[in-house]
């Protein structure tokens, strides 16, 4: 399993992303649930469209995969994901994304892929990268943990997917609107001895 984890959007390693996927079917499952809390749907749709266009420009075929359609249907999601060689998870709210992944069983599927060393690339940015770490503590100073777009009965998830043993801290010292909050998050992680890697916008962590 390979990873392409960007601070913001695709970042500056486009050529490497193409190389990592050159032997695949170029089909991308684009997961946009980190923005399910958004109320400005026109703005959300435009943002998704920009992301999809950026990925298509690199020669990929992109399908939007809404995890809400697979809540309590992990088997169905597993069958759907079998069609793709790339999973791309966009930014937004990491806690909302964690809820969507748990309710759909995506969390279990991706951990299985990782354990079995499946020939697939997981890519994404911001929340899509943050979710891979061991904890979401620290990220709570950037993203609102209390957002519950799928119902108040669902408890806030504080644990990441634990695929990485460190937290990715995006938007570090950039002009992104969350950069100042991320500085506070990094201070929290240092004080609480949470391993992290800070990324500036444009940078990406690549794991082959």
N, C-alpha and C. Protein backbone atom coordinates (compact mmCIF):
# COMPACT_ATOMS: atom_id res chain seq x y z
N UNK A 1 0.84 -1.19 0.00
CA UNK A 1 0.00 0.00 0.00
C UNK A 1 0.88 1.24 0.00
N UNK A 2 0.48 2.22 -0.78
CA UNK A 2 1.25 3.45 -0.91
C UNK A 2 0.42 4.62 -0.39
N UNK A 3 1.13 5.69 -0.01
CA UNK A 3 0.45 6.87 0.53
C UNK A 3 1.02 8.14 -0.09
N UNK A 4 0.12 9.06 -0.42
CA UNK A 4 0.49 10.39 -0.90
C UNK A 4 -0.31 11.37 -0.05
N UNK A 5 0.34 11.97 0.92
CA UNK A 5 -0.36 12.75 1.94
C UNK A 5 0.10 14.20 1.88
N UNK A 6 -0.80 15.05 1.43
CA UNK A 6 -0.49 16.45 1.15
C UNK A 6 -1.06 17.37 2.22
N UNK A 7 -0.43 18.49 2.41
CA UNK A 7 -0.96 19.50 3.32
C UNK A 7 -2.23 20.14 2.76
N UNK A 8 -2.17 20.49 1.46
CA UNK A 8 -3.32 21.17 0.86
C UNK A 8 -3.40 20.83 -0.63
N UNK A 9 -4.58 20.39 -1.03
CA UNK A 9 -4.80 19.98 -2.43
C UNK A 9 -3.75 18.93 -2.83
N UNK A 10 -3.36 18.90 -4.11
CA UNK A 10 -2.41 17.89 -4.55
C UNK A 10 -0.99 18.25 -4.13
N UNK A 11 -0.70 19.53 -4.04
CA UNK A 11 0.64 19.93 -3.62
C UNK A 11 1.63 19.93 -4.78
N UNK A 12 2.91 19.91 -4.43
CA UNK A 12 3.97 20.13 -5.42
C UNK A 12 4.62 18.85 -5.93
N UNK A 13 4.02 17.70 -5.64
CA UNK A 13 4.63 16.43 -6.04
C UNK A 13 3.77 15.68 -7.07
N UNK A 14 3.18 16.44 -7.98
CA UNK A 14 2.28 15.84 -8.97
C UNK A 14 2.95 14.72 -9.76
N UNK A 15 4.16 14.95 -10.20
CA UNK A 15 4.88 13.96 -11.01
C UNK A 15 5.06 12.65 -10.23
N UNK A 16 5.35 12.77 -8.93
CA UNK A 16 5.53 11.59 -8.11
C UNK A 16 4.21 10.84 -7.96
N UNK A 17 3.12 11.57 -7.83
CA UNK A 17 1.80 10.93 -7.73
C UNK A 17 1.50 10.13 -8.99
N UNK A 18 1.84 10.68 -10.13
CA UNK A 18 1.64 9.97 -11.41
C UNK A 18 2.51 8.71 -11.46
N UNK A 19 3.76 8.84 -11.02
CA UNK A 19 4.67 7.69 -11.02
C UNK A 19 4.18 6.59 -10.10
N UNK A 20 3.67 6.95 -8.94
CA UNK A 20 3.21 5.97 -7.96
C UNK A 20 2.03 5.14 -8.48
N UNK A 21 1.30 5.70 -9.44
CA UNK A 21 0.06 5.05 -9.91
C UNK A 21 0.15 4.61 -11.36
N UNK A 22 1.35 4.62 -11.93
CA UNK A 22 1.46 4.37 -13.37
C UNK A 22 1.05 2.95 -13.76
N UNK A 23 1.11 2.00 -12.85
CA UNK A 23 0.74 0.62 -13.18
C UNK A 23 -0.69 0.28 -12.80
N UNK A 24 -1.45 1.28 -12.32
CA UNK A 24 -2.83 1.03 -11.90
C UNK A 24 -3.83 1.35 -12.98
N UNK A 25 -5.12 1.26 -12.62
CA UNK A 25 -6.18 1.51 -13.60
C UNK A 25 -6.57 2.98 -13.71
N UNK A 26 -5.90 3.84 -12.92
CA UNK A 26 -6.12 5.30 -12.97
C UNK A 26 -7.53 5.70 -12.53
N UNK A 27 -8.22 4.79 -11.84
CA UNK A 27 -9.55 5.11 -11.34
C UNK A 27 -9.45 5.54 -9.88
N UNK A 28 -10.04 6.70 -9.59
CA UNK A 28 -9.94 7.31 -8.27
C UNK A 28 -11.31 7.37 -7.60
N UNK A 29 -11.37 6.88 -6.36
CA UNK A 29 -12.55 7.08 -5.52
C UNK A 29 -12.30 8.32 -4.68
N UNK A 30 -13.04 9.39 -4.97
CA UNK A 30 -12.85 10.67 -4.30
C UNK A 30 -13.86 10.78 -3.15
N UNK A 31 -13.36 10.80 -1.93
CA UNK A 31 -14.21 10.81 -0.74
C UNK A 31 -14.25 12.23 -0.18
N UNK A 32 -15.45 12.79 -0.13
CA UNK A 32 -15.59 14.20 0.24
C UNK A 32 -16.35 14.41 1.55
N UNK A 33 -16.45 13.39 2.39
CA UNK A 33 -17.30 13.47 3.57
C UNK A 33 -16.78 14.38 4.67
N UNK A 34 -15.51 14.77 4.60
CA UNK A 34 -14.99 15.69 5.61
C UNK A 34 -15.68 17.05 5.56
N UNK A 35 -16.46 17.30 4.49
CA UNK A 35 -17.20 18.56 4.37
C UNK A 35 -18.70 18.36 4.58
N UNK A 36 -19.10 17.23 5.15
CA UNK A 36 -20.53 16.97 5.32
C UNK A 36 -21.21 17.92 6.31
N UNK A 37 -20.43 18.67 7.05
CA UNK A 37 -20.99 19.65 7.99
C UNK A 37 -21.37 20.96 7.29
N UNK A 38 -20.92 21.14 6.07
CA UNK A 38 -21.08 22.42 5.37
C UNK A 38 -22.54 22.72 5.07
N UNK A 39 -22.91 23.97 5.25
CA UNK A 39 -24.28 24.41 4.94
C UNK A 39 -24.34 25.16 3.61
N UNK A 40 -23.21 25.70 3.17
CA UNK A 40 -23.15 26.38 1.88
C UNK A 40 -22.83 25.32 0.82
N UNK A 41 -23.86 24.69 0.31
CA UNK A 41 -23.67 23.56 -0.60
C UNK A 41 -23.09 23.99 -1.94
N UNK A 42 -23.41 25.20 -2.37
CA UNK A 42 -22.85 25.68 -3.64
C UNK A 42 -21.33 25.81 -3.53
N UNK A 43 -20.88 26.36 -2.42
CA UNK A 43 -19.44 26.50 -2.21
C UNK A 43 -18.78 25.13 -2.08
N UNK A 44 -19.44 24.23 -1.37
CA UNK A 44 -18.90 22.88 -1.19
C UNK A 44 -18.76 22.18 -2.54
N UNK A 45 -19.80 22.27 -3.36
CA UNK A 45 -19.78 21.60 -4.66
C UNK A 45 -18.69 22.18 -5.57
N UNK A 46 -18.50 23.49 -5.49
CA UNK A 46 -17.45 24.12 -6.30
C UNK A 46 -16.07 23.64 -5.85
N UNK A 47 -15.90 23.50 -4.54
CA UNK A 47 -14.63 23.02 -4.01
C UNK A 47 -14.36 21.59 -4.45
N UNK A 48 -15.39 20.75 -4.37
CA UNK A 48 -15.25 19.37 -4.84
C UNK A 48 -14.90 19.34 -6.33
N UNK A 49 -15.59 20.17 -7.10
CA UNK A 49 -15.36 20.19 -8.55
C UNK A 49 -13.93 20.60 -8.88
N UNK A 50 -13.39 21.54 -8.12
CA UNK A 50 -12.00 21.96 -8.32
C UNK A 50 -11.04 20.81 -8.02
N UNK A 51 -11.29 20.12 -6.92
CA UNK A 51 -10.46 18.96 -6.56
C UNK A 51 -10.49 17.90 -7.66
N UNK A 52 -11.70 17.58 -8.10
CA UNK A 52 -11.87 16.53 -9.12
C UNK A 52 -11.16 16.94 -10.41
N UNK A 53 -11.29 18.20 -10.79
CA UNK A 53 -10.64 18.69 -12.01
C UNK A 53 -9.12 18.59 -11.89
N UNK A 54 -8.60 18.94 -10.72
CA UNK A 54 -7.14 18.86 -10.50
C UNK A 54 -6.64 17.44 -10.67
N UNK A 55 -7.41 16.47 -10.17
CA UNK A 55 -7.00 15.06 -10.27
C UNK A 55 -7.15 14.57 -11.71
N UNK A 56 -8.24 14.94 -12.36
CA UNK A 56 -8.47 14.53 -13.75
C UNK A 56 -7.37 15.06 -14.67
N UNK A 57 -6.88 16.25 -14.37
CA UNK A 57 -5.84 16.88 -15.18
C UNK A 57 -4.57 16.02 -15.24
N UNK A 58 -4.39 15.18 -14.23
CA UNK A 58 -3.21 14.31 -14.17
C UNK A 58 -3.44 12.98 -14.88
N UNK A 59 -4.61 12.83 -15.49
CA UNK A 59 -4.86 11.63 -16.27
C UNK A 59 -5.69 10.57 -15.57
N UNK A 60 -6.32 10.93 -14.46
CA UNK A 60 -7.14 9.98 -13.71
C UNK A 60 -8.62 10.10 -14.07
N UNK A 61 -9.33 9.00 -13.88
CA UNK A 61 -10.79 9.01 -13.93
C UNK A 61 -11.29 9.08 -12.49
N UNK A 62 -12.18 10.02 -12.21
CA UNK A 62 -12.57 10.27 -10.82
C UNK A 62 -14.07 10.05 -10.63
N UNK A 63 -14.40 9.26 -9.60
CA UNK A 63 -15.79 9.09 -9.16
C UNK A 63 -15.90 9.61 -7.73
N UNK A 64 -16.92 10.42 -7.47
CA UNK A 64 -17.17 10.85 -6.09
C UNK A 64 -17.83 9.69 -5.35
N UNK A 65 -17.23 9.30 -4.24
CA UNK A 65 -17.74 8.20 -3.42
C UNK A 65 -18.22 8.78 -2.09
N UNK A 66 -19.52 8.82 -1.91
CA UNK A 66 -20.13 9.37 -0.70
C UNK A 66 -20.30 8.25 0.32
N UNK A 67 -19.54 8.31 1.40
CA UNK A 67 -19.62 7.24 2.41
C UNK A 67 -20.99 7.14 3.06
N UNK A 68 -21.77 8.22 3.04
CA UNK A 68 -23.11 8.18 3.64
C UNK A 68 -23.99 7.13 2.98
N UNK A 69 -23.76 6.87 1.71
CA UNK A 69 -24.54 5.87 0.99
C UNK A 69 -24.22 4.45 1.45
N UNK A 70 -23.16 4.31 2.23
CA UNK A 70 -22.74 2.98 2.69
C UNK A 70 -22.76 2.85 4.22
N UNK A 71 -23.45 3.78 4.88
CA UNK A 71 -23.56 3.65 6.33
C UNK A 71 -24.24 2.33 6.66
N UNK A 72 -23.62 1.57 7.54
CA UNK A 72 -24.10 0.24 7.97
C UNK A 72 -24.13 -0.75 6.81
N UNK A 73 -23.30 -0.53 5.81
CA UNK A 73 -23.22 -1.44 4.66
C UNK A 73 -21.76 -1.58 4.23
N UNK A 74 -20.96 -2.11 5.14
CA UNK A 74 -19.53 -2.25 4.87
C UNK A 74 -19.27 -3.18 3.69
N UNK A 75 -20.07 -4.20 3.56
CA UNK A 75 -19.88 -5.14 2.45
C UNK A 75 -20.06 -4.44 1.11
N UNK A 76 -21.08 -3.60 1.03
CA UNK A 76 -21.31 -2.86 -0.21
C UNK A 76 -20.17 -1.91 -0.52
N UNK A 77 -19.65 -1.25 0.52
CA UNK A 77 -18.53 -0.34 0.32
C UNK A 77 -17.28 -1.10 -0.11
N UNK A 78 -17.08 -2.26 0.45
CA UNK A 78 -15.93 -3.07 0.09
C UNK A 78 -15.97 -3.45 -1.39
N UNK A 79 -17.15 -3.83 -1.86
CA UNK A 79 -17.31 -4.18 -3.28
C UNK A 79 -17.06 -2.96 -4.16
N UNK A 80 -17.51 -1.81 -3.73
CA UNK A 80 -17.32 -0.58 -4.52
C UNK A 80 -15.85 -0.22 -4.60
N UNK A 81 -15.15 -0.29 -3.48
CA UNK A 81 -13.75 0.11 -3.45
C UNK A 81 -12.86 -0.82 -4.27
N UNK A 82 -13.33 -2.04 -4.49
CA UNK A 82 -12.55 -2.99 -5.30
C UNK A 82 -12.33 -2.50 -6.72
N UNK A 83 -13.10 -1.50 -7.16
CA UNK A 83 -13.00 -1.00 -8.54
C UNK A 83 -11.83 -0.03 -8.72
N UNK A 84 -11.24 0.43 -7.60
CA UNK A 84 -10.31 1.56 -7.68
C UNK A 84 -8.90 1.17 -7.26
N UNK A 85 -7.94 1.83 -7.87
CA UNK A 85 -6.54 1.69 -7.46
C UNK A 85 -6.06 2.90 -6.68
N UNK A 86 -6.89 3.94 -6.62
CA UNK A 86 -6.55 5.13 -5.84
C UNK A 86 -7.76 5.55 -5.02
N UNK A 87 -7.53 5.84 -3.74
CA UNK A 87 -8.54 6.44 -2.88
C UNK A 87 -8.01 7.82 -2.50
N UNK A 88 -8.82 8.85 -2.77
CA UNK A 88 -8.39 10.21 -2.46
C UNK A 88 -9.38 10.83 -1.47
N UNK A 89 -8.89 11.27 -0.32
CA UNK A 89 -9.75 11.79 0.75
C UNK A 89 -9.44 13.26 0.97
N UNK A 90 -10.43 14.10 0.72
CA UNK A 90 -10.22 15.54 0.77
C UNK A 90 -10.21 16.07 2.20
N UNK A 91 -9.85 17.33 2.33
CA UNK A 91 -9.83 17.99 3.62
C UNK A 91 -11.20 18.47 4.07
N UNK A 92 -11.23 19.00 5.26
CA UNK A 92 -12.48 19.44 5.88
C UNK A 92 -12.36 19.28 7.39
N UNK A 93 -13.35 18.68 8.00
CA UNK A 93 -13.31 18.44 9.45
C UNK A 93 -12.93 16.99 9.72
N UNK A 94 -11.82 16.79 10.42
CA UNK A 94 -11.30 15.45 10.65
C UNK A 94 -12.24 14.62 11.51
N UNK A 95 -12.95 15.25 12.44
CA UNK A 95 -13.86 14.51 13.33
C UNK A 95 -15.10 14.03 12.57
N UNK A 96 -15.59 14.86 11.66
CA UNK A 96 -16.71 14.45 10.80
C UNK A 96 -16.27 13.29 9.91
N UNK A 97 -15.08 13.40 9.35
CA UNK A 97 -14.55 12.33 8.51
C UNK A 97 -14.42 11.03 9.29
N UNK A 98 -13.96 11.11 10.52
CA UNK A 98 -13.82 9.92 11.37
C UNK A 98 -15.18 9.24 11.59
N UNK A 99 -16.22 10.05 11.80
CA UNK A 99 -17.56 9.49 11.98
C UNK A 99 -18.03 8.76 10.72
N UNK A 100 -17.82 9.41 9.57
CA UNK A 100 -18.26 8.81 8.31
C UNK A 100 -17.51 7.51 8.03
N UNK A 101 -16.23 7.50 8.34
CA UNK A 101 -15.44 6.29 8.11
C UNK A 101 -15.89 5.15 9.02
N UNK A 102 -16.23 5.47 10.26
CA UNK A 102 -16.67 4.43 11.19
C UNK A 102 -18.05 3.90 10.81
N UNK A 103 -18.98 4.78 10.49
CA UNK A 103 -20.36 4.38 10.19
C UNK A 103 -20.46 3.55 8.91
N UNK A 104 -19.54 3.78 7.98
CA UNK A 104 -19.56 3.05 6.71
C UNK A 104 -18.67 1.80 6.73
N UNK A 105 -17.84 1.69 7.75
CA UNK A 105 -16.88 0.59 7.80
C UNK A 105 -15.63 0.85 7.00
N UNK A 106 -15.50 2.07 6.46
CA UNK A 106 -14.29 2.40 5.70
C UNK A 106 -13.04 2.23 6.56
N UNK A 107 -13.15 2.58 7.84
CA UNK A 107 -11.99 2.46 8.72
C UNK A 107 -11.46 1.03 8.78
N UNK A 108 -12.36 0.09 8.85
CA UNK A 108 -11.96 -1.33 8.91
C UNK A 108 -11.39 -1.79 7.57
N UNK A 109 -11.99 -1.33 6.48
CA UNK A 109 -11.53 -1.73 5.14
C UNK A 109 -10.11 -1.23 4.88
N UNK A 110 -9.85 0.05 5.19
CA UNK A 110 -8.54 0.61 4.88
C UNK A 110 -7.46 0.00 5.76
N UNK A 111 -7.81 -0.33 7.00
CA UNK A 111 -6.84 -1.00 7.88
C UNK A 111 -6.53 -2.40 7.34
N UNK A 112 -7.53 -3.06 6.79
CA UNK A 112 -7.33 -4.38 6.21
C UNK A 112 -6.43 -4.28 4.98
N UNK A 113 -6.68 -3.28 4.14
CA UNK A 113 -5.82 -3.05 2.98
C UNK A 113 -4.37 -2.88 3.42
N UNK A 114 -4.18 -2.09 4.47
CA UNK A 114 -2.83 -1.80 4.95
C UNK A 114 -2.17 -3.07 5.49
N UNK A 115 -2.92 -3.82 6.27
CA UNK A 115 -2.38 -5.05 6.85
C UNK A 115 -2.00 -6.06 5.78
N UNK A 116 -2.82 -6.13 4.74
CA UNK A 116 -2.59 -7.10 3.66
C UNK A 116 -1.64 -6.57 2.58
N UNK A 117 -1.16 -5.32 2.77
CA UNK A 117 -0.26 -4.69 1.79
C UNK A 117 -0.86 -4.69 0.39
N UNK A 118 -2.12 -4.31 0.34
CA UNK A 118 -2.84 -4.26 -0.93
C UNK A 118 -2.19 -3.25 -1.89
N UNK A 119 -2.21 -3.54 -3.17
CA UNK A 119 -1.63 -2.66 -4.18
C UNK A 119 -2.61 -1.54 -4.50
N UNK A 120 -2.65 -0.55 -3.61
CA UNK A 120 -3.57 0.57 -3.77
C UNK A 120 -2.91 1.80 -3.17
N UNK A 121 -3.25 2.97 -3.68
CA UNK A 121 -2.70 4.20 -3.14
C UNK A 121 -3.79 4.95 -2.38
N UNK A 122 -3.48 5.33 -1.15
CA UNK A 122 -4.34 6.22 -0.38
C UNK A 122 -3.72 7.60 -0.45
N UNK A 123 -4.47 8.53 -1.00
CA UNK A 123 -4.00 9.89 -1.09
C UNK A 123 -5.01 10.84 -0.49
N UNK A 124 -4.57 12.03 -0.21
CA UNK A 124 -5.49 13.02 0.32
C UNK A 124 -4.75 14.17 0.93
N UNK A 125 -5.52 15.12 1.46
CA UNK A 125 -4.89 16.30 2.05
C UNK A 125 -5.66 16.75 3.27
N UNK A 126 -4.94 17.48 4.13
CA UNK A 126 -5.50 18.05 5.34
C UNK A 126 -6.19 16.96 6.17
N UNK A 127 -7.49 17.04 6.39
CA UNK A 127 -8.17 16.04 7.20
C UNK A 127 -7.95 14.62 6.67
N UNK A 128 -7.88 14.49 5.36
CA UNK A 128 -7.66 13.18 4.75
C UNK A 128 -6.34 12.57 5.13
N UNK A 129 -5.37 13.42 5.50
CA UNK A 129 -4.07 12.95 5.98
C UNK A 129 -4.06 12.83 7.50
N UNK A 130 -4.68 13.80 8.18
CA UNK A 130 -4.70 13.80 9.65
C UNK A 130 -5.32 12.52 10.22
N UNK A 131 -6.31 11.99 9.54
CA UNK A 131 -7.07 10.85 10.06
C UNK A 131 -6.22 9.60 10.20
N UNK A 132 -5.08 9.53 9.53
CA UNK A 132 -4.27 8.32 9.52
C UNK A 132 -3.45 8.13 10.79
N UNK A 133 -3.33 9.16 11.60
CA UNK A 133 -2.49 9.10 12.79
C UNK A 133 -3.14 8.35 13.94
N UNK A 134 -2.45 8.29 15.09
CA UNK A 134 -2.96 7.53 16.24
C UNK A 134 -4.03 8.25 17.05
N UNK A 135 -4.10 9.57 16.93
CA UNK A 135 -5.04 10.34 17.74
C UNK A 135 -5.46 11.60 16.99
N UNK A 136 -6.62 12.12 17.39
CA UNK A 136 -7.08 13.40 16.84
C UNK A 136 -6.91 14.52 17.87
N UNK A 137 -6.31 14.18 19.00
CA UNK A 137 -6.04 15.21 20.01
C UNK A 137 -4.97 16.15 19.46
N UNK A 138 -5.20 17.41 19.63
CA UNK A 138 -4.36 18.44 19.01
C UNK A 138 -5.09 19.00 17.81
N UNK A 139 -5.61 18.10 16.97
CA UNK A 139 -6.41 18.54 15.82
C UNK A 139 -7.69 19.22 16.30
N UNK A 140 -8.10 18.93 17.54
CA UNK A 140 -9.32 19.54 18.08
C UNK A 140 -9.18 21.05 18.26
N UNK A 141 -7.96 21.55 18.20
CA UNK A 141 -7.75 22.99 18.28
C UNK A 141 -7.88 23.66 16.91
N UNK A 142 -8.05 22.84 15.88
CA UNK A 142 -8.22 23.35 14.51
C UNK A 142 -9.62 23.03 14.00
N UNK A 143 -10.04 21.77 14.17
CA UNK A 143 -11.36 21.32 13.74
C UNK A 143 -12.28 21.18 14.96
N UNK A 144 -13.56 21.43 14.75
CA UNK A 144 -14.53 21.35 15.84
C UNK A 144 -14.91 19.89 16.10
N UNK A 145 -14.60 19.35 17.28
CA UNK A 145 -14.91 17.95 17.57
C UNK A 145 -16.40 17.67 17.75
N UNK A 146 -17.16 18.73 18.07
CA UNK A 146 -18.57 18.53 18.44
C UNK A 146 -19.51 18.51 17.24
N UNK A 147 -19.02 18.69 16.04
CA UNK A 147 -19.91 18.66 14.87
C UNK A 147 -20.47 17.26 14.69
N UNK A 148 -21.79 17.17 14.53
CA UNK A 148 -22.46 15.87 14.40
C UNK A 148 -23.46 15.88 13.25
N UNK A 149 -23.00 15.94 12.01
CA UNK A 149 -23.93 16.01 10.87
C UNK A 149 -24.74 14.73 10.68
N UNK A 150 -24.33 13.63 11.29
CA UNK A 150 -25.04 12.35 11.11
C UNK A 150 -25.93 12.02 12.31
N UNK A 151 -26.07 12.97 13.23
CA UNK A 151 -26.92 12.75 14.39
C UNK A 151 -26.16 12.90 15.70
N UNK A 152 -26.81 13.51 16.68
CA UNK A 152 -26.18 13.77 17.97
C UNK A 152 -25.91 12.50 18.76
N UNK A 153 -26.50 11.39 18.34
CA UNK A 153 -26.30 10.14 19.08
C UNK A 153 -24.90 9.56 18.88
N UNK A 154 -24.18 10.06 17.90
CA UNK A 154 -22.85 9.52 17.63
C UNK A 154 -21.81 10.26 18.46
N UNK A 155 -21.02 9.52 19.20
CA UNK A 155 -19.99 10.11 20.04
C UNK A 155 -18.81 10.62 19.20
N UNK A 156 -18.18 11.66 19.69
CA UNK A 156 -16.98 12.17 19.05
C UNK A 156 -15.89 11.10 19.07
N UNK A 157 -15.25 10.90 17.95
CA UNK A 157 -14.16 9.92 17.84
C UNK A 157 -12.83 10.65 18.01
N UNK A 158 -12.06 10.20 18.96
CA UNK A 158 -10.78 10.85 19.25
C UNK A 158 -9.59 10.04 18.74
N UNK A 159 -9.85 8.85 18.29
CA UNK A 159 -8.78 7.99 17.82
C UNK A 159 -8.68 8.05 16.30
N UNK A 160 -7.46 8.13 15.78
CA UNK A 160 -7.25 8.08 14.34
C UNK A 160 -7.24 6.64 13.86
N UNK A 161 -6.88 6.46 12.61
CA UNK A 161 -6.87 5.11 12.04
C UNK A 161 -5.65 4.31 12.49
N UNK A 162 -4.68 4.96 13.09
CA UNK A 162 -3.47 4.29 13.63
C UNK A 162 -2.67 3.58 12.55
N UNK A 163 -2.77 4.05 11.32
CA UNK A 163 -1.92 3.52 10.25
C UNK A 163 -0.53 4.15 10.33
N UNK A 164 -0.49 5.42 10.67
CA UNK A 164 0.77 6.10 10.97
C UNK A 164 0.94 6.19 12.48
N UNK A 165 2.18 6.24 12.94
CA UNK A 165 2.41 6.36 14.38
C UNK A 165 2.64 7.82 14.79
N UNK A 166 2.34 8.73 13.89
CA UNK A 166 2.46 10.16 14.17
C UNK A 166 1.27 10.89 13.54
N UNK A 167 1.02 12.09 14.04
CA UNK A 167 -0.06 12.93 13.52
C UNK A 167 0.51 13.85 12.46
N UNK A 168 -0.17 13.97 11.35
CA UNK A 168 0.22 14.95 10.33
C UNK A 168 -0.43 16.29 10.67
N UNK A 169 0.39 17.33 10.75
CA UNK A 169 -0.08 18.68 11.07
C UNK A 169 0.07 19.55 9.83
N UNK A 170 -1.01 19.71 9.05
CA UNK A 170 -0.92 20.47 7.79
C UNK A 170 -1.01 21.98 8.01
N UNK A 171 -0.80 22.71 6.94
CA UNK A 171 -0.95 24.18 6.90
C UNK A 171 0.01 24.88 7.86
N UNK A 172 1.18 24.28 8.06
CA UNK A 172 2.15 24.84 9.02
C UNK A 172 2.83 26.07 8.42
N UNK A 173 2.74 27.19 9.12
CA UNK A 173 3.39 28.44 8.72
C UNK A 173 3.13 28.78 7.25
N UNK A 174 1.85 28.79 6.89
CA UNK A 174 1.45 29.19 5.55
C UNK A 174 0.40 30.28 5.67
N UNK A 175 -0.16 30.70 4.53
CA UNK A 175 -1.20 31.71 4.56
C UNK A 175 -2.59 31.10 4.63
N UNK A 176 -2.67 29.79 4.89
CA UNK A 176 -3.96 29.12 5.05
C UNK A 176 -4.67 29.66 6.30
N UNK A 177 -5.97 29.76 6.23
CA UNK A 177 -6.73 30.35 7.35
C UNK A 177 -6.60 29.55 8.64
N UNK A 178 -6.20 28.28 8.55
CA UNK A 178 -6.08 27.45 9.75
C UNK A 178 -4.65 27.39 10.28
N UNK A 179 -3.75 28.14 9.68
CA UNK A 179 -2.34 28.05 10.04
C UNK A 179 -2.08 28.44 11.50
N UNK A 180 -2.70 29.52 11.97
CA UNK A 180 -2.49 29.95 13.36
C UNK A 180 -3.02 28.91 14.34
N UNK A 181 -4.18 28.34 14.04
CA UNK A 181 -4.74 27.29 14.90
C UNK A 181 -3.83 26.07 14.91
N UNK A 182 -3.22 25.77 13.76
CA UNK A 182 -2.34 24.61 13.69
C UNK A 182 -1.09 24.84 14.54
N UNK A 183 -0.63 26.08 14.64
CA UNK A 183 0.50 26.37 15.52
C UNK A 183 0.15 26.01 16.97
N UNK A 184 -1.07 26.32 17.39
CA UNK A 184 -1.52 25.97 18.74
C UNK A 184 -1.62 24.45 18.89
N UNK A 185 -2.08 23.78 17.82
CA UNK A 185 -2.19 22.32 17.85
C UNK A 185 -0.81 21.69 18.02
N UNK A 186 0.17 22.23 17.33
CA UNK A 186 1.54 21.70 17.42
C UNK A 186 2.10 21.92 18.83
N UNK A 187 1.82 23.07 19.42
CA UNK A 187 2.24 23.32 20.80
C UNK A 187 1.62 22.29 21.75
N UNK A 188 0.33 22.00 21.52
CA UNK A 188 -0.36 21.00 22.34
C UNK A 188 0.29 19.64 22.20
N UNK A 189 0.63 19.26 20.97
CA UNK A 189 1.22 17.95 20.73
C UNK A 189 2.62 17.85 21.34
N UNK A 190 3.36 18.93 21.29
CA UNK A 190 4.69 18.93 21.93
C UNK A 190 4.54 18.76 23.45
N UNK A 191 3.62 19.53 24.03
CA UNK A 191 3.41 19.47 25.49
C UNK A 191 2.93 18.09 25.93
N UNK A 192 2.15 17.43 25.08
CA UNK A 192 1.58 16.14 25.44
C UNK A 192 2.34 14.95 24.84
N UNK A 193 3.52 15.26 24.31
CA UNK A 193 4.41 14.21 23.79
C UNK A 193 3.73 13.34 22.72
N UNK A 194 2.98 14.00 21.84
CA UNK A 194 2.35 13.33 20.69
C UNK A 194 3.26 13.52 19.48
N UNK A 195 3.68 12.43 18.87
CA UNK A 195 4.53 12.52 17.70
C UNK A 195 3.76 13.17 16.55
N UNK A 196 4.42 14.04 15.81
CA UNK A 196 3.77 14.69 14.67
C UNK A 196 4.79 15.05 13.62
N UNK A 197 4.29 15.28 12.41
CA UNK A 197 5.10 15.84 11.34
C UNK A 197 4.34 17.03 10.77
N UNK A 198 4.97 18.17 10.75
CA UNK A 198 4.34 19.39 10.24
C UNK A 198 4.61 19.52 8.75
N UNK A 199 3.57 19.92 8.02
CA UNK A 199 3.69 20.12 6.58
C UNK A 199 3.26 21.53 6.21
N UNK A 200 4.05 22.17 5.39
CA UNK A 200 3.61 23.43 4.79
C UNK A 200 2.77 23.13 3.56
N UNK A 201 1.88 24.03 3.22
CA UNK A 201 1.07 23.83 2.01
C UNK A 201 1.99 23.73 0.80
N UNK A 202 1.74 22.71 -0.01
CA UNK A 202 2.61 22.40 -1.14
C UNK A 202 3.42 21.14 -0.87
N UNK A 203 3.72 20.88 0.41
CA UNK A 203 4.52 19.71 0.77
C UNK A 203 3.63 18.46 0.88
N UNK A 204 4.26 17.33 0.69
CA UNK A 204 3.53 16.04 0.80
C UNK A 204 4.46 14.99 1.37
N UNK A 205 3.89 14.10 2.16
CA UNK A 205 4.60 12.92 2.65
C UNK A 205 4.26 11.77 1.71
N UNK A 206 5.30 11.12 1.19
CA UNK A 206 5.11 10.01 0.24
C UNK A 206 5.68 8.75 0.85
N UNK A 207 4.86 7.71 0.92
CA UNK A 207 5.27 6.43 1.48
C UNK A 207 5.04 5.37 0.41
N UNK A 208 6.11 4.72 0.00
CA UNK A 208 6.00 3.71 -1.07
C UNK A 208 6.08 2.30 -0.50
